[in-house]
Amino acid sequence: MDSYEVSCYLKAGRAAARALREAYRRVHEGAPIKEICEAAERAVREAGAEPAFPCNVSINNVAAHYTAVADDELTIPKGAVVKVDVGAHVDGYIGDVAATMSLSPAWDPLVKAAEEALRRSLEYMKPGAALSNVGWAIEASIRSYGFKPIRNLTGHGLARYTLHTGVMVPNVRAGEGVVEEGAAYAVEPFATNGAGRVVDGEEAVIFSYVGAGKVRDKDAKRLLEVVWERFKSLPFTERWLIDGWGVRRVRELLKLLVEGRALHPYHVLLEGGGGMVSQFECTVVVAEGEVVVTTPYEWVASV
């Protein structure tokens, strides 16, 4: 990893952390989810980066992959556990950061479990270290609070314009591989009082480019070209496409593109036992034998 790549990762990380801070201060009972998402994405751009994916605002038993739709009317409910996950990129190099807020003291231990798991896991993110040991640190921390890690949600490797490289940073003591020199990772503990696994919900509001697929509709083909031009393979949402198309037409075209396997839908992920979920996340880069946290963990942990 050369100095240019490291500088881009650092700038993206700072932008993501700034945006998370901006979104986080807007989380309160009755707050519109759409306003939180748009505030975070605007803050990313104001920091000189671009969103690496739509801001996720996931409430209670929703673990991940929910962002506001164009006509979203959802608001933050009373006593909620709210996860905010923000991504930024600079020339395709990504910063990914998340934190959880509890609006009820009853869920503070659940939040603390994921926060502590992230802190502990970073102690194991060293060049050559087994990724399974990172997972062990996460699992042990979460279980020490009386909760379960979510086994089938993991952290992930990052690369240019690639949010998930296929490398997994496990949340339990499992898996293969080591922390590699010249690589970037999102470390992402999830804690729950439920079953410890997620399932796909019916809804998908985030998508990413796959390829040409089997699509005949001319408008759908044009929209697919726009997606590639603007986002490459990074995730996006309908809110970013409605200008010039309109909400109804964009939804029709996205449906066609998913059916034609030209787009990948990210289904909203739900805790399999209906449990509450907390999440903390930061991005680390391994360069010249050093592990650099590009999204300031010190700030995330003190939110």
C-alpha atoms as a PDB file:
ATOM      1  CA  MET A   1       0.000   0.000   0.000  1.00  0.00           C
ATOM      2  CA  ASP A   2       1.617   3.270  -1.110  1.00  0.00           C
ATOM      3  CA  SER A   3       1.440   6.684   0.536  1.00  0.00           C
ATOM      4  CA  TYR A   4      -1.313   7.906  -1.799  1.00  0.00           C
ATOM      5  CA  GLU A   5      -3.586   5.014  -0.868  1.00  0.00           C
ATOM      6  CA  VAL A   6      -2.939   5.541   2.845  1.00  0.00           C
ATOM      7  CA  SER A   7      -3.689   9.268   2.538  1.00  0.00           C
ATOM      8  CA  CYS A   8      -6.976   8.520   0.774  1.00  0.00           C
ATOM      9  CA  TYR A   9      -7.965   5.988   3.436  1.00  0.00           C
ATOM     10  CA  LEU A  10      -7.162   8.540   6.144  1.00  0.00           C
ATOM     11  CA  LYS A  11      -9.141  11.317   4.489  1.00  0.00           C
ATOM     12  CA  ALA A  12     -12.094   8.974   3.925  1.00  0.00           C
ATOM     13  CA  GLY A  13     -11.928   7.850   7.545  1.00  0.00           C
ATOM     14  CA  ARG A  14     -11.993  11.401   8.848  1.00  0.00           C
ATOM     15  CA  ALA A  15     -14.928  12.230   6.587  1.00  0.00           C
ATOM     16  CA  ALA A  16     -16.881   9.174   7.756  1.00  0.00           C
ATOM     17  CA  ALA A  17     -16.237   9.961  11.423  1.00  0.00           C
ATOM     18  CA  ARG A  18     -17.301  13.579  10.941  1.00  0.00           C
ATOM     19  CA  ALA A  19     -20.485  12.436   9.222  1.00  0.00           C
ATOM     20  CA  LEU A  20     -21.242   9.918  11.954  1.00  0.00           C
ATOM     21  CA  ARG A  21     -20.902  12.660  14.526  1.00  0.00           C
ATOM     22  CA  GLU A  22     -23.299  14.855  12.532  1.00  0.00           C
ATOM     23  CA  ALA A  23     -25.858  12.055  12.208  1.00  0.00           C
ATOM     24  CA  TYR A  24     -25.478  10.921  15.790  1.00  0.00           C
ATOM     25  CA  ARG A  25     -26.351  14.283  17.299  1.00  0.00           C
ATOM     26  CA  ARG A  26     -29.657  14.178  15.410  1.00  0.00           C
ATOM     27  CA  VAL A  27     -30.760  10.860  16.933  1.00  0.00           C
ATOM     28  CA  HIS A  28     -33.609  11.447  19.374  1.00  0.00           C
ATOM     29  CA  GLU A  29     -37.166  10.286  19.836  1.00  0.00           C
ATOM     30  CA  GLY A  30     -39.312  11.426  16.924  1.00  0.00           C
ATOM     31  CA  ALA A  31     -36.383  12.309  14.643  1.00  0.00           C
ATOM     32  CA  PRO A  32     -37.077  11.516  10.959  1.00  0.00           C
ATOM     33  CA  ILE A  33     -34.738   8.812   9.687  1.00  0.00           C
ATOM     34  CA  LYS A  34     -34.533  10.481   6.292  1.00  0.00           C
ATOM     35  CA  GLU A  35     -33.146  13.671   7.845  1.00  0.00           C
ATOM     36  CA  ILE A  36     -30.484  11.694   9.724  1.00  0.00           C
ATOM     37  CA  CYS A  37     -29.390   9.864   6.558  1.00  0.00           C
ATOM     38  CA  GLU A  38     -29.267  12.990   4.439  1.00  0.00           C
ATOM     39  CA  ALA A  39     -27.376  14.943   7.104  1.00  0.00           C
ATOM     40  CA  ALA A  40     -24.699  12.228   7.265  1.00  0.00           C
ATOM     41  CA  GLU A  41     -24.318  11.994   3.505  1.00  0.00           C
ATOM     42  CA  ARG A  42     -24.145  15.786   3.199  1.00  0.00           C
ATOM     43  CA  ALA A  43     -21.432  15.900   5.868  1.00  0.00           C
ATOM     44  CA  VAL A  44     -19.384  13.330   3.937  1.00  0.00           C
ATOM     45  CA  ARG A  45     -19.433  15.545   0.857  1.00  0.00           C
ATOM     46  CA  GLU A  46     -18.667  18.678   2.846  1.00  0.00           C
ATOM     47  CA  ALA A  47     -15.565  16.910   4.154  1.00  0.00           C
ATOM     48  CA  GLY A  48     -14.291  16.425   0.609  1.00  0.00           C
ATOM     49  CA  ALA A  49     -15.324  12.787   0.134  1.00  0.00           C
ATOM     50  CA  GLU A  50     -18.265  10.887  -1.353  1.00  0.00           C
ATOM     51  CA  PRO A  51     -20.589   8.423   0.398  1.00  0.00           C
ATOM     52  CA  ALA A  52     -19.285   4.866   0.087  1.00  0.00           C
ATOM     53  CA  PHE A  53     -22.802   3.613   0.751  1.00  0.00           C
ATOM     54  CA  PRO A  54     -26.103   5.104   1.944  1.00  0.00           C
ATOM     55  CA  CYS A  55     -26.149   6.020   5.617  1.00  0.00           C
ATOM     56  CA  ASN A  56     -27.719   3.127   7.524  1.00  0.00           C
ATOM     57  CA  VAL A  57     -30.065   3.868  10.425  1.00  0.00           C
ATOM     58  CA  SER A  58     -31.084   0.520  11.920  1.00  0.00           C
ATOM     59  CA  ILE A  59     -33.497   0.415  14.853  1.00  0.00           C
ATOM     60  CA  ASN A  60     -33.963  -2.193  17.593  1.00  0.00           C
ATOM     61  CA  ASN A  61     -34.023  -5.690  16.025  1.00  0.00           C
ATOM     62  CA  VAL A  62     -32.928  -4.369  12.622  1.00  0.00           C
ATOM     63  CA  ALA A  63     -29.208  -5.119  12.454  1.00  0.00           C
ATOM     64  CA  ALA A  64     -28.184  -3.518   9.164  1.00  0.00           C
ATOM     65  CA  HIS A  65     -29.018  -2.420   5.626  1.00  0.00           C
ATOM     66  CA  TYR A  66     -31.826   0.032   6.306  1.00  0.00           C
ATOM     67  CA  THR A  67     -31.575   3.499   4.826  1.00  0.00           C
ATOM     68  CA  ALA A  68     -34.347   6.001   4.247  1.00  0.00           C
ATOM     69  CA  VAL A  69     -36.287   5.673   0.997  1.00  0.00           C
ATOM     70  CA  ALA A  70     -37.222   8.741  -1.007  1.00  0.00           C
ATOM     71  CA  ASP A  71     -40.633   9.216   0.632  1.00  0.00           C
ATOM     72  CA  ASP A  72     -39.646   7.795   4.038  1.00  0.00           C
ATOM     73  CA  GLU A  73     -41.864   8.777   6.966  1.00  0.00           C
ATOM     74  CA  LEU A  74     -40.248   6.599   9.656  1.00  0.00           C
ATOM     75  CA  THR A  75     -39.089   8.278  12.848  1.00  0.00           C
ATOM     76  CA  ILE A  76     -37.034   7.161  15.833  1.00  0.00           C
ATOM     77  CA  PRO A  77     -39.360   5.493  18.378  1.00  0.00           C
ATOM     78  CA  LYS A  78     -39.302   5.918  22.140  1.00  0.00           C
ATOM     79  CA  GLY A  79     -36.675   3.893  23.987  1.00  0.00           C
ATOM     80  CA  ALA A  80     -35.018   2.690  20.786  1.00  0.00           C
ATOM     81  CA  VAL A  81     -31.600   1.185  20.196  1.00  0.00           C
ATOM     82  CA  VAL A  82     -30.312   3.053  17.139  1.00  0.00           C
ATOM     83  CA  LYS A  83     -27.350   1.999  15.000  1.00  0.00           C
ATOM     84  CA  VAL A  84     -25.864   4.589  12.621  1.00  0.00           C
ATOM     85  CA  ASP A  85     -23.413   3.252  10.020  1.00  0.00           C
ATOM     86  CA  VAL A  86     -21.631   5.690   7.697  1.00  0.00           C
ATOM     87  CA  GLY A  87     -19.208   5.168   4.824  1.00  0.00           C
ATOM     88  CA  ALA A  88     -17.081   7.637   2.877  1.00  0.00           C
ATOM     89  CA  HIS A  89     -14.627   7.190   0.034  1.00  0.00           C
ATOM     90  CA  VAL A  90     -11.869   9.228  -1.558  1.00  0.00           C
ATOM     91  CA  ASP A  91     -10.989   8.029  -5.043  1.00  0.00           C
ATOM     92  CA  GLY A  92     -12.589   4.708  -4.114  1.00  0.00           C
ATOM     93  CA  TYR A  93     -10.663   4.193  -0.841  1.00  0.00           C
ATOM     94  CA  ILE A  94     -13.177   3.680   1.955  1.00  0.00           C
ATOM     95  CA  GLY A  95     -13.715   4.665   5.576  1.00  0.00           C
ATOM     96  CA  ASP A  96     -16.506   2.736   7.357  1.00  0.00           C
ATOM     97  CA  VAL A  97     -17.652   3.617  10.875  1.00  0.00           C
ATOM     98  CA  ALA A  98     -20.666   2.911  13.083  1.00  0.00           C
ATOM     99  CA  ALA A  99     -21.923   3.543  16.606  1.00  0.00           C
ATOM    100  CA  THR A 100     -25.042   2.775  18.632  1.00  0.00           C
ATOM    101  CA  MET A 101     -27.171   5.014  20.822  1.00  0.00           C
ATOM    102  CA  SER A 102     -29.620   3.736  23.409  1.00  0.00           C
ATOM    103  CA  LEU A 103     -32.627   5.943  24.161  1.00  0.00           C
ATOM    104  CA  SER A 104     -33.390   3.830  27.232  1.00  0.00           C
ATOM    105  CA  PRO A 105     -30.983   3.105  30.114  1.00  0.00           C
ATOM    106  CA  ALA A 106     -32.199  -0.491  30.003  1.00  0.00           C
ATOM    107  CA  TRP A 107     -30.157  -1.074  26.840  1.00  0.00           C
ATOM    108  CA  ASP A 108     -26.970   0.690  27.901  1.00  0.00           C
ATOM    109  CA  PRO A 109     -25.222  -2.637  28.751  1.00  0.00           C
ATOM    110  CA  LEU A 110     -25.977  -3.933  25.246  1.00  0.00           C
ATOM    111  CA  VAL A 111     -24.405  -0.831  23.741  1.00  0.00           C
ATOM    112  CA  LYS A 112     -21.402  -1.128  26.043  1.00  0.00           C
ATOM    113  CA  ALA A 113     -20.904  -4.771  25.036  1.00  0.00           C
ATOM    114  CA  ALA A 114     -20.375  -3.937  21.356  1.00  0.00           C
ATOM    115  CA  GLU A 115     -18.287  -0.873  22.191  1.00  0.00           C
ATOM    116  CA  GLU A 116     -15.965  -2.860  24.447  1.00  0.00           C
ATOM    117  CA  ALA A 117     -15.757  -5.655  21.861  1.00  0.00           C
ATOM    118  CA  LEU A 118     -14.480  -3.197  19.277  1.00  0.00           C
ATOM    119  CA  ARG A 119     -11.905  -1.783  21.663  1.00  0.00           C
ATOM    120  CA  ARG A 120     -10.655  -5.257  22.616  1.00  0.00           C
ATOM    121  CA  SER A 121     -10.579  -6.519  19.031  1.00  0.00           C
ATOM    122  CA  LEU A 122      -8.277  -3.711  17.915  1.00  0.00           C
ATOM    123  CA  GLU A 123      -5.642  -4.999  20.322  1.00  0.00           C
ATOM    124  CA  TYR A 124      -5.465  -8.144  18.138  1.00  0.00           C
ATOM    125  CA  MET A 125      -5.355  -6.377  14.760  1.00  0.00           C
ATOM    126  CA  LYS A 126      -1.625  -6.782  14.184  1.00  0.00           C
ATOM    127  CA  PRO A 127       0.197  -7.894  11.032  1.00  0.00           C
ATOM    128  CA  GLY A 128       0.225 -11.679  10.867  1.00  0.00           C
ATOM    129  CA  ALA A 129      -2.324 -12.131  13.657  1.00  0.00           C
ATOM    130  CA  ALA A 130      -5.000 -14.777  13.140  1.00  0.00           C
ATOM    131  CA  LEU A 131      -8.365 -13.243  12.316  1.00  0.00           C
ATOM    132  CA  SER A 132      -9.971 -15.967  14.439  1.00  0.00           C
ATOM    133  CA  ASN A 133      -8.270 -14.396  17.462  1.00  0.00           C
ATOM    134  CA  VAL A 134      -9.878 -11.075  16.606  1.00  0.00           C
ATOM    135  CA  GLY A 135     -13.206 -12.917  16.562  1.00  0.00           C
ATOM    136  CA  TRP A 136     -12.383 -14.532  19.897  1.00  0.00           C
ATOM    137  CA  ALA A 137     -11.754 -11.102  21.465  1.00  0.00           C
ATOM    138  CA  ILE A 138     -15.103  -9.875  20.166  1.00  0.00           C
ATOM    139  CA  GLU A 139     -17.013 -12.958  21.292  1.00  0.00           C
ATOM    140  CA  ALA A 140     -15.433 -13.025  24.752  1.00  0.00           C
ATOM    141  CA  SER A 141     -16.136  -9.336  25.331  1.00  0.00           C
ATOM    142  CA  ILE A 142     -19.770  -9.553  24.305  1.00  0.00           C
ATOM    143  CA  ARG A 143     -20.428 -12.730  26.301  1.00  0.00           C
ATOM    144  CA  SER A 144     -18.867 -11.160  29.387  1.00  0.00           C
ATOM    145  CA  TYR A 145     -21.801  -8.724  29.373  1.00  0.00           C
ATOM    146  CA  GLY A 146     -24.323 -11.559  29.114  1.00  0.00           C
ATOM    147  CA  PHE A 147     -25.098 -11.090  25.416  1.00  0.00           C
ATOM    148  CA  LYS A 148     -24.374 -12.966  22.192  1.00  0.00           C
ATOM    149  CA  PRO A 149     -22.294 -11.926  19.197  1.00  0.00           C
ATOM    150  CA  ILE A 150     -24.065 -12.186  15.855  1.00  0.00           C
ATOM    151  CA  ARG A 151     -22.295 -15.120  14.211  1.00  0.00           C
ATOM    152  CA  ASN A 152     -23.320 -14.537  10.605  1.00  0.00           C
ATOM    153  CA  LEU A 153     -22.473 -10.842  10.497  1.00  0.00           C
ATOM    154  CA  THR A 154     -18.797 -10.063  10.190  1.00  0.00           C
ATOM    155  CA  GLY A 155     -16.316  -7.317   9.607  1.00  0.00           C
ATOM    156  CA  HIS A 156     -14.790  -7.316   6.156  1.00  0.00           C
ATOM    157  CA  GLY A 157     -11.820  -6.491   4.004  1.00  0.00           C
ATOM    158  CA  LEU A 158     -11.876  -3.237   2.054  1.00  0.00           C
ATOM    159  CA  ALA A 159     -10.332  -2.360  -1.305  1.00  0.00           C
ATOM    160  CA  ARG A 160     -10.675   0.394  -3.877  1.00  0.00           C
ATOM    161  CA  TYR A 161     -14.366   0.713  -4.811  1.00  0.00           C
ATOM    162  CA  THR A 162     -14.957  -2.601  -3.009  1.00  0.00           C
ATOM    163  CA  LEU A 163     -16.817  -2.573   0.283  1.00  0.00           C
ATOM    164  CA  HIS A 164     -16.543  -6.342   0.843  1.00  0.00           C
ATOM    165  CA  THR A 165     -13.449  -8.051  -0.563  1.00  0.00           C
ATOM    166  CA  GLY A 166     -14.483 -11.518   0.576  1.00  0.00           C
ATOM    167  CA  VAL A 167     -12.120 -11.439   3.567  1.00  0.00           C
ATOM    168  CA  MET A 168     -14.112 -11.748   6.798  1.00  0.00           C
ATOM    169  CA  VAL A 169     -13.256 -10.403  10.242  1.00  0.00           C
ATOM    170  CA  PRO A 170     -15.366 -12.764  12.385  1.00  0.00           C
ATOM    171  CA  ASN A 171     -17.362 -11.845  15.462  1.00  0.00           C
ATOM    172  CA  VAL A 172     -16.754 -15.283  16.985  1.00  0.00           C
ATOM    173  CA  ARG A 173     -13.704 -17.538  17.236  1.00  0.00           C
ATOM    174  CA  ALA A 174     -13.955 -18.995  13.752  1.00  0.00           C
ATOM    175  CA  GLY A 175     -12.691 -18.529  10.247  1.00  0.00           C
ATOM    176  CA  GLU A 176      -9.321 -18.490   8.569  1.00  0.00           C
ATOM    177  CA  GLY A 177      -6.668 -16.050   7.465  1.00  0.00           C
ATOM    178  CA  VAL A 178      -4.424 -13.481   9.081  1.00  0.00           C
ATOM    179  CA  VAL A 179      -4.174  -9.712   9.252  1.00  0.00           C
ATOM    180  CA  GLU A 180      -2.193  -8.880   6.128  1.00  0.00           C
ATOM    181  CA  GLU A 181       0.292  -6.135   5.396  1.00  0.00           C
ATOM    182  CA  GLY A 182      -1.064  -3.619   2.882  1.00  0.00           C
ATOM    183  CA  ALA A 183      -4.707  -4.442   3.593  1.00  0.00           C
ATOM    184  CA  ALA A 184      -7.649  -2.460   4.963  1.00  0.00           C
ATOM    185  CA  TYR A 185     -10.364  -3.855   7.218  1.00  0.00           C
ATOM    186  CA  ALA A 186     -13.664  -2.805   8.740  1.00  0.00           C
ATOM    187  CA  VAL A 187     -13.905  -4.325  12.234  1.00  0.00           C
ATOM    188  CA  GLU A 188     -17.572  -4.563  13.161  1.00  0.00           C
ATOM    189  CA  PRO A 189     -18.858  -6.242  16.343  1.00  0.00           C
ATOM    190  CA  PHE A 190     -22.622  -6.808  16.718  1.00  0.00           C
ATOM    191  CA  ALA A 191     -24.149  -7.783  20.073  1.00  0.00           C
ATOM    192  CA  THR A 192     -27.674  -9.017  20.795  1.00  0.00           C
ATOM    193  CA  ASN A 193     -29.944 -10.465  23.451  1.00  0.00           C
ATOM    194  CA  GLY A 194     -31.575 -12.589  20.760  1.00  0.00           C
ATOM    195  CA  ALA A 195     -30.613 -15.676  18.779  1.00  0.00           C
ATOM    196  CA  GLY A 196     -27.171 -14.448  17.714  1.00  0.00           C
ATOM    197  CA  ARG A 197     -27.864 -14.635  13.996  1.00  0.00           C
ATOM    198  CA  VAL A 198     -29.537 -12.486  11.360  1.00  0.00           C
ATOM    199  CA  VAL A 199     -32.064 -13.352   8.678  1.00  0.00           C
ATOM    200  CA  ASP A 200     -33.050 -11.525   5.512  1.00  0.00           C
ATOM    201  CA  GLY A 201     -36.120  -9.341   5.732  1.00  0.00           C
ATOM    202  CA  GLU A 202     -38.409  -9.004   2.727  1.00  0.00           C
ATOM    203  CA  GLU A 203     -37.432  -5.391   2.042  1.00  0.00           C
ATOM    204  CA  ALA A 204     -34.339  -4.257   0.117  1.00  0.00           C
ATOM    205  CA  VAL A 205     -33.637  -0.523  -0.129  1.00  0.00           C
ATOM    206  CA  ILE A 206     -29.895  -0.628  -0.918  1.00  0.00           C
ATOM    207  CA  PHE A 207     -28.412  -2.020  -4.135  1.00  0.00           C
ATOM    208  CA  SER A 208     -25.089  -2.435  -5.915  1.00  0.00           C
ATOM    209  CA  TYR A 209     -23.981  -2.933  -9.505  1.00  0.00           C
ATOM    210  CA  VAL A 210     -23.390  -6.491 -10.694  1.00  0.00           C
ATOM    211  CA  GLY A 211     -23.174  -6.239 -14.493  1.00  0.00           C
ATOM    212  CA  ALA A 212     -25.211  -6.111 -17.680  1.00  0.00           C
ATOM    213  CA  GLY A 213     -27.529  -8.919 -16.637  1.00  0.00           C
ATOM    214  CA  LYS A 214     -30.583  -9.793 -18.716  1.00  0.00           C
ATOM    215  CA  VAL A 215     -32.317  -6.442 -19.143  1.00  0.00           C
ATOM    216  CA  ARG A 216     -34.255  -5.331 -22.227  1.00  0.00           C
ATOM    217  CA  ASP A 217     -35.960  -2.153 -21.039  1.00  0.00           C
ATOM    218  CA  LYS A 218     -34.122   0.861 -22.480  1.00  0.00           C
ATOM    219  CA  ASP A 219     -34.704   3.041 -19.439  1.00  0.00           C
ATOM    220  CA  ALA A 220     -33.446   0.278 -17.164  1.00  0.00           C
ATOM    221  CA  LYS A 221     -30.299  -0.068 -19.264  1.00  0.00           C
ATOM    222  CA  ARG A 222     -29.734   3.682 -19.103  1.00  0.00           C
ATOM    223  CA  LEU A 223     -30.244   3.712 -15.344  1.00  0.00           C
ATOM    224  CA  LEU A 224     -27.717   0.898 -15.025  1.00  0.00           C
ATOM    225  CA  GLU A 225     -25.204   2.997 -16.967  1.00  0.00           C
ATOM    226  CA  VAL A 226     -25.838   5.895 -14.592  1.00  0.00           C
ATOM    227  CA  VAL A 227     -25.312   3.614 -11.606  1.00  0.00           C
ATOM    228  CA  TRP A 228     -21.923   2.473 -12.920  1.00  0.00           C
ATOM    229  CA  GLU A 229     -20.850   6.004 -13.857  1.00  0.00           C
ATOM    230  CA  ARG A 230     -21.751   7.407 -10.446  1.00  0.00           C
ATOM    231  CA  PHE A 231     -21.156   4.602  -7.969  1.00  0.00           C
ATOM    232  CA  LYS A 232     -19.116   1.866  -9.674  1.00  0.00           C
ATOM    233  CA  SER A 233     -19.669  -1.256  -7.545  1.00  0.00           C
ATOM    234  CA  LEU A 234     -20.396   0.654  -4.320  1.00  0.00           C
ATOM    235  CA  PRO A 235     -23.886   0.422  -2.765  1.00  0.00           C
ATOM    236  CA  PHE A 236     -26.492   3.095  -3.507  1.00  0.00           C
ATOM    237  CA  THR A 237     -30.153   3.873  -2.839  1.00  0.00           C
ATOM    238  CA  GLU A 238     -33.128   5.198  -4.769  1.00  0.00           C
ATOM    239  CA  ARG A 239     -32.818   8.588  -3.040  1.00  0.00           C
ATOM    240  CA  TRP A 240     -29.686   9.237  -5.076  1.00  0.00           C
ATOM    241  CA  LEU A 241     -31.386   8.569  -8.424  1.00  0.00           C
ATOM    242  CA  ILE A 242     -34.828  10.178  -8.389  1.00  0.00           C
ATOM    243  CA  ASP A 243     -33.863  13.502 -10.029  1.00  0.00           C
ATOM    244  CA  GLY A 244     -35.044  13.317 -13.623  1.00  0.00           C
ATOM    245  CA  TRP A 245     -36.712   9.946 -13.126  1.00  0.00           C
ATOM    246  CA  GLY A 246     -39.182  10.277 -10.278  1.00  0.00           C
ATOM    247  CA  VAL A 247     -39.674   7.924  -7.349  1.00  0.00           C
ATOM    248  CA  ARG A 248     -42.211   5.597  -8.958  1.00  0.00           C
ATOM    249  CA  ARG A 249     -40.217   5.106 -12.166  1.00  0.00           C
ATOM    250  CA  VAL A 250     -36.929   4.570 -10.355  1.00  0.00           C
ATOM    251  CA  ARG A 251     -38.533   1.850  -8.232  1.00  0.00           C
ATOM    252  CA  GLU A 252     -39.920   0.155 -11.333  1.00  0.00           C
ATOM    253  CA  LEU A 253     -36.502   0.219 -12.996  1.00  0.00           C
ATOM    254  CA  LEU A 254     -34.652  -1.000  -9.923  1.00  0.00           C
ATOM    255  CA  LYS A 255     -37.084  -3.922  -9.722  1.00  0.00           C
ATOM    256  CA  LEU A 256     -36.371  -4.796 -13.357  1.00  0.00           C
ATOM    257  CA  LEU A 257     -32.628  -4.582 -12.812  1.00  0.00           C
ATOM    258  CA  VAL A 258     -32.774  -6.823  -9.743  1.00  0.00           C
ATOM    259  CA  GLU A 259     -34.945  -9.346 -11.572  1.00  0.00           C
ATOM    260  CA  GLY A 260     -32.465  -9.232 -14.473  1.00  0.00           C
ATOM    261  CA  ARG A 261     -29.601  -9.854 -12.049  1.00  0.00           C
ATOM    262  CA  ALA A 262     -27.905  -6.618 -13.041  1.00  0.00           C
ATOM    263  CA  LEU A 263     -28.149  -5.299  -9.476  1.00  0.00           C
ATOM    264  CA  HIS A 264     -27.597  -6.974  -6.132  1.00  0.00           C
ATOM    265  CA  PRO A 265     -30.242  -6.170  -3.489  1.00  0.00           C
ATOM    266  CA  TYR A 266     -29.111  -5.829   0.130  1.00  0.00           C
ATOM    267  CA  HIS A 267     -32.052  -7.123   2.122  1.00  0.00           C
ATOM    268  CA  VAL A 268     -32.697  -5.483   5.460  1.00  0.00           C
ATOM    269  CA  LEU A 269     -31.124  -7.767   8.076  1.00  0.00           C
ATOM    270  CA  LEU A 270     -33.214  -8.718  11.112  1.00  0.00           C
ATOM    271  CA  GLU A 271     -32.101 -10.408  14.319  1.00  0.00           C
ATOM    272  CA  GLY A 272     -33.280 -13.994  13.972  1.00  0.00           C
ATOM    273  CA  GLY A 273     -34.813 -14.192  17.442  1.00  0.00           C
ATOM    274  CA  GLY A 274     -36.281 -10.707  17.428  1.00  0.00           C
ATOM    275  CA  GLY A 275     -33.614  -9.451  19.836  1.00  0.00           C
ATOM    276  CA  MET A 276     -32.211  -5.979  20.173  1.00  0.00           C
ATOM    277  CA  VAL A 277     -28.923  -5.330  18.345  1.00  0.00           C
ATOM    278  CA  SER A 278     -25.991  -2.997  19.022  1.00  0.00           C
ATOM    279  CA  GLN A 279     -23.035  -2.285  16.728  1.00  0.00           C
ATOM    280  CA  PHE A 280     -19.727  -0.447  16.757  1.00  0.00           C
ATOM    281  CA  GLU A 281     -17.288  -0.261  13.856  1.00  0.00           C
ATOM    282  CA  CYS A 282     -14.099   1.356  12.682  1.00  0.00           C
ATOM    283  CA  THR A 283     -11.685   1.022   9.760  1.00  0.00           C
ATOM    284  CA  VAL A 284      -8.054   0.014  10.091  1.00  0.00           C
ATOM    285  CA  VAL A 285      -5.247   0.072   7.531  1.00  0.00           C
ATOM    286  CA  VAL A 286      -2.104  -2.072   7.822  1.00  0.00           C
ATOM    287  CA  ALA A 287       0.830  -0.232   6.281  1.00  0.00           C
ATOM    288  CA  GLU A 288       4.572  -0.684   6.850  1.00  0.00           C
ATOM    289  CA  GLY A 289       3.963  -2.920   9.824  1.00  0.00           C
ATOM    290  CA  GLU A 290       1.695  -0.421  11.559  1.00  0.00           C
ATOM    291  CA  VAL A 291      -2.052  -0.609  12.123  1.00  0.00           C
ATOM    292  CA  VAL A 292      -3.698   2.767  11.613  1.00  0.00           C
ATOM    293  CA  VAL A 293      -7.278   3.430  12.721  1.00  0.00           C
ATOM    294  CA  THR A 294      -8.589   5.727   9.989  1.00  0.00           C
ATOM    295  CA  THR A 295     -11.966   6.328  11.630  1.00  0.00           C
ATOM    296  CA  PRO A 296     -11.096   7.700  15.087  1.00  0.00           C
ATOM    297  CA  TYR A 297     -12.088   5.001  17.535  1.00  0.00           C
ATOM    298  CA  GLU A 298     -11.394   7.315  20.462  1.00  0.00           C
ATOM    299  CA  TRP A 299     -14.230   9.532  19.332  1.00  0.00           C
ATOM    300  CA  VAL A 300     -16.620   6.659  18.514  1.00  0.00           C
ATOM    301  CA  ALA A 301     -16.091   5.049  21.902  1.00  0.00           C
ATOM    302  CA  SER A 302     -16.785   8.284  23.760  1.00  0.00           C
ATOM    303  CA  VAL A 303     -20.026   9.167  21.979  1.00  0.00           C
END
